[in-house]
PDB file of N, CA and C in Angstrom:
ATOM      1  N   MET A   1       0.990  -1.474   0.093  1.00  0.00           N
ATOM      2  CA  MET A   1      -0.080  -0.079  -0.092  1.00  0.00           C
ATOM      3  C   MET A   1       1.050   1.113  -0.076  1.00  0.00           C
ATOM      4  N   ASN A   2       0.731   1.914  -0.983  1.00  0.00           N
ATOM      5  CA  ASN A   2       1.367   3.363  -1.268  1.00  0.00           C
ATOM      6  C   ASN A   2       0.903   4.081   0.109  1.00  0.00           C
ATOM      7  N   ILE A   3       1.885   5.509   0.181  1.00  0.00           N
ATOM      8  CA  ILE A   3       1.613   6.274   1.655  1.00  0.00           C
ATOM      9  C   ILE A   3       0.438   7.135   1.384  1.00  0.00           C
ATOM     10  N   GLU A   4       0.069   7.797   0.329  1.00  0.00           N
ATOM     11  CA  GLU A   4      -1.354   8.099  -0.008  1.00  0.00           C
ATOM     12  C   GLU A   4      -2.809   7.629   0.459  1.00  0.00           C
ATOM     13  N   ALA A   5      -2.922   6.501  -0.269  1.00  0.00           N
ATOM     14  CA  ALA A   5      -3.571   5.526   0.078  1.00  0.00           C
ATOM     15  C   ALA A   5      -3.752   5.317   1.386  1.00  0.00           C
ATOM     16  N   PHE A   6      -2.913   4.985   2.451  1.00  0.00           N
ATOM     17  CA  PHE A   6      -2.931   5.068   3.567  1.00  0.00           C
ATOM     18  C   PHE A   6      -3.110   6.096   4.205  1.00  0.00           C
ATOM     19  N   LEU A   7      -2.633   7.361   4.156  1.00  0.00           N
ATOM     20  CA  LEU A   7      -3.185   8.309   4.587  1.00  0.00           C
ATOM     21  C   LEU A   7      -4.438   8.883   4.650  1.00  0.00           C
ATOM     22  N   ALA A   8      -5.627   8.123   3.341  1.00  0.00           N
ATOM     23  CA  ALA A   8      -6.704   8.430   2.862  1.00  0.00           C
ATOM     24  C   ALA A   8      -7.497   7.292   3.539  1.00  0.00           C
ATOM     25  N   GLU A   9      -7.120   6.741   3.562  1.00  0.00           N
ATOM     26  CA  GLU A   9      -7.772   5.167   4.453  1.00  0.00           C
ATOM     27  C   GLU A   9      -7.789   6.018   6.405  1.00  0.00           C
ATOM     28  N   GLN A  10      -6.842   6.749   6.449  1.00  0.00           N
ATOM     29  CA  GLN A  10      -6.867   6.779   8.014  1.00  0.00           C
ATOM     30  C   GLN A  10      -7.649   8.019   8.190  1.00  0.00           C
ATOM     31  N   LEU A  11      -7.833   8.971   7.726  1.00  0.00           N
ATOM     32  CA  LEU A  11      -8.719  10.149   7.481  1.00  0.00           C
ATOM     33  C   LEU A  11     -10.218   9.858   7.424  1.00  0.00           C
ATOM     34  N   ALA A  12     -10.259   8.584   6.432  1.00  0.00           N
ATOM     35  CA  ALA A  12     -11.359   8.490   6.367  1.00  0.00           C
ATOM     36  C   ALA A  12     -12.308   7.915   7.557  1.00  0.00           C
ATOM     37  N   ARG A  13     -11.575   7.616   8.691  1.00  0.00           N
ATOM     38  CA  ARG A  13     -12.195   6.522   9.586  1.00  0.00           C
ATOM     39  C   ARG A  13     -12.810   7.711  10.544  1.00  0.00           C
ATOM     40  N   PRO A  14     -14.094   7.522  11.084  1.00  0.00           N
ATOM     41  CA  PRO A  14     -14.558   8.833  11.934  1.00  0.00           C
ATOM     42  C   PRO A  14     -14.039   8.434  13.388  1.00  0.00           C
ATOM     43  N   MET A  15     -14.584   9.883  13.885  1.00  0.00           N
ATOM     44  CA  MET A  15     -13.994  10.691  15.351  1.00  0.00           C
ATOM     45  C   MET A  15     -14.705   9.840  16.244  1.00  0.00           C
ATOM     46  N   THR A  16     -14.319   9.354  17.170  1.00  0.00           N
ATOM     47  CA  THR A  16     -15.443   8.629  18.198  1.00  0.00           C
ATOM     48  C   THR A  16     -15.169   9.175  19.484  1.00  0.00           C
ATOM     49  N   HIS A  17     -14.262  10.100  19.811  1.00  0.00           N
ATOM     50  CA  HIS A  17     -13.728  10.514  21.087  1.00  0.00           C
ATOM     51  C   HIS A  17     -13.785  12.433  20.612  1.00  0.00           C
ATOM     52  N   ARG A  18     -14.220  12.756  21.964  1.00  0.00           N
ATOM     53  CA  ARG A  18     -13.738  14.500  21.515  1.00  0.00           C
ATOM     54  C   ARG A  18     -13.147  14.788  23.265  1.00  0.00           C
ATOM     55  N   VAL A  19     -12.145  15.557  23.595  1.00  0.00           N
ATOM     56  CA  VAL A  19     -11.415  16.134  24.593  1.00  0.00           C
ATOM     57  C   VAL A  19     -11.875  17.597  24.407  1.00  0.00           C
ATOM     58  N   VAL A  20     -12.939  17.662  25.651  1.00  0.00           N
ATOM     59  CA  VAL A  20     -13.181  19.169  26.023  1.00  0.00           C
ATOM     60  C   VAL A  20     -12.500  19.812  26.962  1.00  0.00           C
ATOM     61  N   THR A  21     -11.576  20.690  27.023  1.00  0.00           N
ATOM     62  CA  THR A  21     -10.995  21.527  28.017  1.00  0.00           C
ATOM     63  C   THR A  21     -12.106  22.879  28.229  1.00  0.00           C
ATOM     64  N   THR A  22     -12.011  23.097  29.410  1.00  0.00           N
ATOM     65  CA  THR A  22     -13.055  24.430  30.108  1.00  0.00           C
ATOM     66  C   THR A  22     -11.821  25.307  30.590  1.00  0.00           C
ATOM     67  N   TYR A  23     -11.926  26.548  30.115  1.00  0.00           N
ATOM     68  CA  TYR A  23     -11.441  27.613  30.990  1.00  0.00           C
ATOM     69  C   TYR A  23     -12.481  28.516  32.090  1.00  0.00           C
ATOM     70  N   ALA A  24     -11.535  29.265  32.902  1.00  0.00           N
ATOM     71  CA  ALA A  24     -12.308  29.925  33.440  1.00  0.00           C
ATOM     72  C   ALA A  24     -13.242  30.730  33.210  1.00  0.00           C
ATOM     73  N   ASP A  25     -12.822  31.420  32.503  1.00  0.00           N
ATOM     74  CA  ASP A  25     -13.946  32.599  31.570  1.00  0.00           C
ATOM     75  C   ASP A  25     -14.999  32.026  30.508  1.00  0.00           C
ATOM     76  N   GLY A  26     -15.051  30.788  30.638  1.00  0.00           N
ATOM     77  CA  GLY A  26     -15.975  29.954  30.371  1.00  0.00           C
ATOM     78  C   GLY A  26     -15.732  29.543  28.566  1.00  0.00           C
ATOM     79  N   ASN A  27     -14.924  29.845  28.293  1.00  0.00           N
ATOM     80  CA  ASN A  27     -14.682  29.483  27.056  1.00  0.00           C
ATOM     81  C   ASN A  27     -14.076  28.033  27.074  1.00  0.00           C
ATOM     82  N   THR A  28     -14.448  26.923  25.895  1.00  0.00           N
ATOM     83  CA  THR A  28     -14.200  25.615  25.784  1.00  0.00           C
ATOM     84  C   THR A  28     -13.315  25.629  24.588  1.00  0.00           C
ATOM     85  N   LYS A  29     -12.677  24.436  24.495  1.00  0.00           N
ATOM     86  CA  LYS A  29     -11.646  24.092  22.924  1.00  0.00           C
ATOM     87  C   LYS A  29     -12.328  22.570  23.289  1.00  0.00           C
ATOM     88  N   SER A  30     -12.365  21.926  21.865  1.00  0.00           N
ATOM     89  CA  SER A  30     -12.425  20.713  21.986  1.00  0.00           C
ATOM     90  C   SER A  30     -11.422  20.507  20.894  1.00  0.00           C
ATOM     91  N   HIS A  31     -11.256  18.630  21.085  1.00  0.00           N
ATOM     92  CA  HIS A  31      -9.822  18.054  19.803  1.00  0.00           C
ATOM     93  C   HIS A  31     -10.842  16.602  19.683  1.00  0.00           C
ATOM     94  N   ASP A  32     -11.213  16.445  18.572  1.00  0.00           N
ATOM     95  CA  ASP A  32     -11.958  15.505  18.061  1.00  0.00           C
ATOM     96  C   ASP A  32     -10.594  14.205  18.056  1.00  0.00           C
ATOM     97  N   THR A  33     -10.880  13.361  18.395  1.00  0.00           N
ATOM     98  CA  THR A  33     -10.051  11.891  18.237  1.00  0.00           C
ATOM     99  C   THR A  33     -10.880  10.166  17.117  1.00  0.00           C
ATOM    100  N   PHE A  34      -9.534   9.819  16.849  1.00  0.00           N
ATOM    101  CA  PHE A  34     -10.231   7.932  16.692  1.00  0.00           C
ATOM    102  C   PHE A  34     -10.650   7.314  17.442  1.00  0.00           C
ATOM    103  N   GLY A  35     -10.054   7.252  18.670  1.00  0.00           N
ATOM    104  CA  GLY A  35     -10.307   6.077  19.556  1.00  0.00           C
ATOM    105  C   GLY A  35     -10.496   6.855  21.074  1.00  0.00           C
ATOM    106  N   ALA A  36     -10.680   6.049  22.120  1.00  0.00           N
ATOM    107  CA  ALA A  36     -10.420   6.257  23.345  1.00  0.00           C
ATOM    108  C   ALA A  36      -9.186   6.287  23.942  1.00  0.00           C
ATOM    109  N   ALA A  37      -8.377   5.477  23.576  1.00  0.00           N
ATOM    110  CA  ALA A  37      -6.512   5.292  23.709  1.00  0.00           C
ATOM    111  C   ALA A  37      -6.370   6.971  23.879  1.00  0.00           C
ATOM    112  N   GLN A  38      -6.283   7.083  22.121  1.00  0.00           N
ATOM    113  CA  GLN A  38      -5.886   8.736  21.584  1.00  0.00           C
ATOM    114  C   GLN A  38      -6.409   9.790  22.342  1.00  0.00           C
ATOM    115  N   ALA A  39      -7.980   9.771  22.882  1.00  0.00           N
ATOM    116  CA  ALA A  39      -8.562  10.675  23.511  1.00  0.00           C
ATOM    117  C   ALA A  39      -7.785  10.827  25.150  1.00  0.00           C
ATOM    118  N   GLU A  40      -7.470  10.104  25.424  1.00  0.00           N
ATOM    119  CA  GLU A  40      -6.812   9.825  26.919  1.00  0.00           C
ATOM    120  C   GLU A  40      -5.193  10.167  26.498  1.00  0.00           C
ATOM    121  N   ASN A  41      -4.783   9.722  25.751  1.00  0.00           N
ATOM    122  CA  ASN A  41      -3.377  10.476  25.669  1.00  0.00           C
ATOM    123  C   ASN A  41      -3.219  12.137  25.551  1.00  0.00           C
ATOM    124  N   TRP A  42      -4.489  12.527  24.775  1.00  0.00           N
ATOM    125  CA  TRP A  42      -4.200  13.877  24.884  1.00  0.00           C
ATOM    126  C   TRP A  42      -4.898  14.848  25.998  1.00  0.00           C
ATOM    127  N   ALA A  43      -6.023  14.032  26.632  1.00  0.00           N
ATOM    128  CA  ALA A  43      -6.348  14.807  27.910  1.00  0.00           C
ATOM    129  C   ALA A  43      -4.967  14.895  28.763  1.00  0.00           C
ATOM    130  N   VAL A  44      -4.397  14.081  28.732  1.00  0.00           N
ATOM    131  CA  VAL A  44      -3.213  13.761  29.931  1.00  0.00           C
ATOM    132  C   VAL A  44      -2.601  14.876  29.572  1.00  0.00           C
ATOM    133  N   GLY A  45      -2.378  15.483  28.883  1.00  0.00           N
ATOM    134  CA  GLY A  45      -1.233  16.914  27.906  1.00  0.00           C
ATOM    135  C   GLY A  45      -2.203  18.212  28.531  1.00  0.00           C
ATOM    136  N   GLU A  46      -3.367  18.100  28.479  1.00  0.00           N
ATOM    137  CA  GLU A  46      -4.509  19.013  28.573  1.00  0.00           C
ATOM    138  C   GLU A  46      -4.335  19.191  29.757  1.00  0.00           C
ATOM    139  N   ARG A  47      -4.673  17.932  30.445  1.00  0.00           N
ATOM    140  CA  ARG A  47      -4.875  18.062  32.490  1.00  0.00           C
ATOM    141  C   ARG A  47      -3.528  18.730  33.302  1.00  0.00           C
ATOM    142  N   ARG A  48      -2.290  18.675  32.370  1.00  0.00           N
ATOM    143  CA  ARG A  48      -1.190  19.028  33.022  1.00  0.00           C
ATOM    144  C   ARG A  48      -1.387  20.769  33.115  1.00  0.00           C
ATOM    145  N   LYS A  49      -2.430  20.946  32.289  1.00  0.00           N
ATOM    146  CA  LYS A  49      -2.659  22.561  32.387  1.00  0.00           C
ATOM    147  C   LYS A  49      -3.209  22.819  33.136  1.00  0.00           C
ATOM    148  N   ILE A  50      -4.175  22.103  34.051  1.00  0.00           N
ATOM    149  CA  ILE A  50      -5.456  22.505  35.099  1.00  0.00           C
ATOM    150  C   ILE A  50      -4.671  23.493  36.199  1.00  0.00           C
ATOM    151  N   GLY A  51      -5.066  24.746  36.368  1.00  0.00           N
ATOM    152  CA  GLY A  51      -4.820  25.615  37.544  1.00  0.00           C
ATOM    153  C   GLY A  51      -3.698  26.743  37.132  1.00  0.00           C
ATOM    154  N   ARG A  52      -3.085  26.347  35.719  1.00  0.00           N
ATOM    155  CA  ARG A  52      -1.710  27.135  35.511  1.00  0.00           C
ATOM    156  C   ARG A  52      -2.705  28.399  34.431  1.00  0.00           C
ATOM    157  N   ASP A  53      -1.723  29.448  34.833  1.00  0.00           N
ATOM    158  CA  ASP A  53      -2.278  30.686  33.785  1.00  0.00           C
ATOM    159  C   ASP A  53      -1.763  30.351  32.591  1.00  0.00           C
ATOM    160  N   LEU A  54      -2.368  30.803  31.504  1.00  0.00           N
ATOM    161  CA  LEU A  54      -1.705  30.713  29.823  1.00  0.00           C
ATOM    162  C   LEU A  54      -1.941  31.552  29.437  1.00  0.00           C
ATOM    163  N   THR A  55      -1.413  31.490  28.031  1.00  0.00           N
ATOM    164  CA  THR A  55      -1.899  33.096  27.144  1.00  0.00           C
ATOM    165  C   THR A  55      -2.827  32.331  26.298  1.00  0.00           C
ATOM    166  N   ASP A  56      -3.995  33.218  25.640  1.00  0.00           N
ATOM    167  CA  ASP A  56      -4.766  32.630  24.707  1.00  0.00           C
ATOM    168  C   ASP A  56      -3.921  32.856  23.681  1.00  0.00           C
ATOM    169  N   ARG A  57      -3.822  32.343  22.780  1.00  0.00           N
ATOM    170  CA  ARG A  57      -3.384  32.567  21.032  1.00  0.00           C
ATOM    171  C   ARG A  57      -4.044  33.391  20.247  1.00  0.00           C
ATOM    172  N   THR A  58      -5.124  33.802  20.501  1.00  0.00           N
ATOM    173  CA  THR A  58      -6.450  34.325  19.405  1.00  0.00           C
ATOM    174  C   THR A  58      -6.561  35.825  20.189  1.00  0.00           C
ATOM    175  N   THR A  59      -6.496  35.936  21.396  1.00  0.00           N
ATOM    176  CA  THR A  59      -6.699  36.811  22.353  1.00  0.00           C
ATOM    177  C   THR A  59      -5.700  37.651  22.887  1.00  0.00           C
ATOM    178  N   GLY A  60      -4.428  36.963  23.179  1.00  0.00           N
ATOM    179  CA  GLY A  60      -3.512  37.369  23.975  1.00  0.00           C
ATOM    180  C   GLY A  60      -3.783  37.439  25.202  1.00  0.00           C
ATOM    181  N   SER A  61      -5.007  37.310  25.975  1.00  0.00           N
ATOM    182  CA  SER A  61      -5.085  37.248  27.406  1.00  0.00           C
ATOM    183  C   SER A  61      -4.697  36.258  28.209  1.00  0.00           C
ATOM    184  N   THR A  62      -4.879  36.610  29.101  1.00  0.00           N
ATOM    185  CA  THR A  62      -4.417  35.476  30.228  1.00  0.00           C
ATOM    186  C   THR A  62      -5.858  34.323  30.538  1.00  0.00           C
ATOM    187  N   VAL A  63      -5.292  33.131  30.444  1.00  0.00           N
ATOM    188  CA  VAL A  63      -6.592  32.249  30.708  1.00  0.00           C
ATOM    189  C   VAL A  63      -6.236  31.043  31.550  1.00  0.00           C
ATOM    190  N   ARG A  64      -6.789  30.568  32.321  1.00  0.00           N
ATOM    191  CA  ARG A  64      -7.031  29.625  33.307  1.00  0.00           C
ATOM    192  C   ARG A  64      -7.691  28.326  32.997  1.00  0.00           C
ATOM    193  N   VAL A  65      -6.840  27.117  32.754  1.00  0.00           N
ATOM    194  CA  VAL A  65      -7.747  25.762  32.749  1.00  0.00           C
ATOM    195  C   VAL A  65      -8.364  25.399  33.566  1.00  0.00           C
ATOM    196  N   VAL A  66      -9.811  25.042  34.262  1.00  0.00           N
ATOM    197  CA  VAL A  66     -10.363  24.793  35.031  1.00  0.00           C
ATOM    198  C   VAL A  66     -10.538  23.172  34.996  1.00  0.00           C
ATOM    199  N   SER A  67     -11.093  22.452  33.840  1.00  0.00           N
ATOM    200  CA  SER A  67     -11.287  21.056  33.630  1.00  0.00           C
ATOM    201  C   SER A  67     -11.327  20.617  32.286  1.00  0.00           C
ATOM    202  N   VAL A  68     -10.776  19.405  32.144  1.00  0.00           N
ATOM    203  CA  VAL A  68     -10.704  18.701  30.649  1.00  0.00           C
ATOM    204  C   VAL A  68     -11.665  17.488  30.980  1.00  0.00           C
ATOM    205  N   GLU A  69     -12.385  17.350  29.668  1.00  0.00           N
ATOM    206  CA  GLU A  69     -13.259  15.912  29.964  1.00  0.00           C
ATOM    207  C   GLU A  69     -12.867  15.000  28.710  1.00  0.00           C
ATOM    208  N   VAL A  70     -13.585  13.868  28.465  1.00  0.00           N
ATOM    209  CA  VAL A  70     -13.199  12.936  27.710  1.00  0.00           C
ATOM    210  C   VAL A  70     -14.604  12.336  27.602  1.00  0.00           C
ATOM    211  N   ALA A  71     -15.087  12.710  26.240  1.00  0.00           N
ATOM    212  CA  ALA A  71     -16.653  12.616  26.033  1.00  0.00           C
ATOM    213  C   ALA A  71     -16.743  11.239  24.840  1.00  0.00           C
ATOM    214  N   ALA A  72     -17.269  10.650  24.480  1.00  0.00           N
ATOM    215  CA  ALA A  72     -17.531   9.674  23.738  1.00  0.00           C
ATOM    216  C   ALA A  72     -18.472  10.199  22.419  1.00  0.00           C
ATOM    217  N   LEU A  73     -18.300  10.292  21.374  1.00  0.00           N
ATOM    218  CA  LEU A  73     -19.203  10.822  20.111  1.00  0.00           C
ATOM    219  C   LEU A  73     -20.537   9.907  20.037  1.00  0.00           C
ATOM    220  N   ALA A  74     -21.650  10.273  19.364  1.00  0.00           N
ATOM    221  CA  ALA A  74     -22.601   9.139  19.344  1.00  0.00           C
ATOM    222  C   ALA A  74     -22.334   9.067  17.629  1.00  0.00           C
TER     223      ALA A  74
END
């Protein structure tokens, strides 16, 4: 199998889980993944940010992560 066919096949798979990061100001950010394990791996990195002051890339303001949730998509 060539790489183009492999990548097309992988991208055609449905997203099954979503990681939702909630900030103190009420904003949320989500990241869709292809499986539960991939979602948990992404959530580990997001959970490290809980309680930290971060700079929002779009506004430049300081934001604080308050929670990270993993949910299955219907």
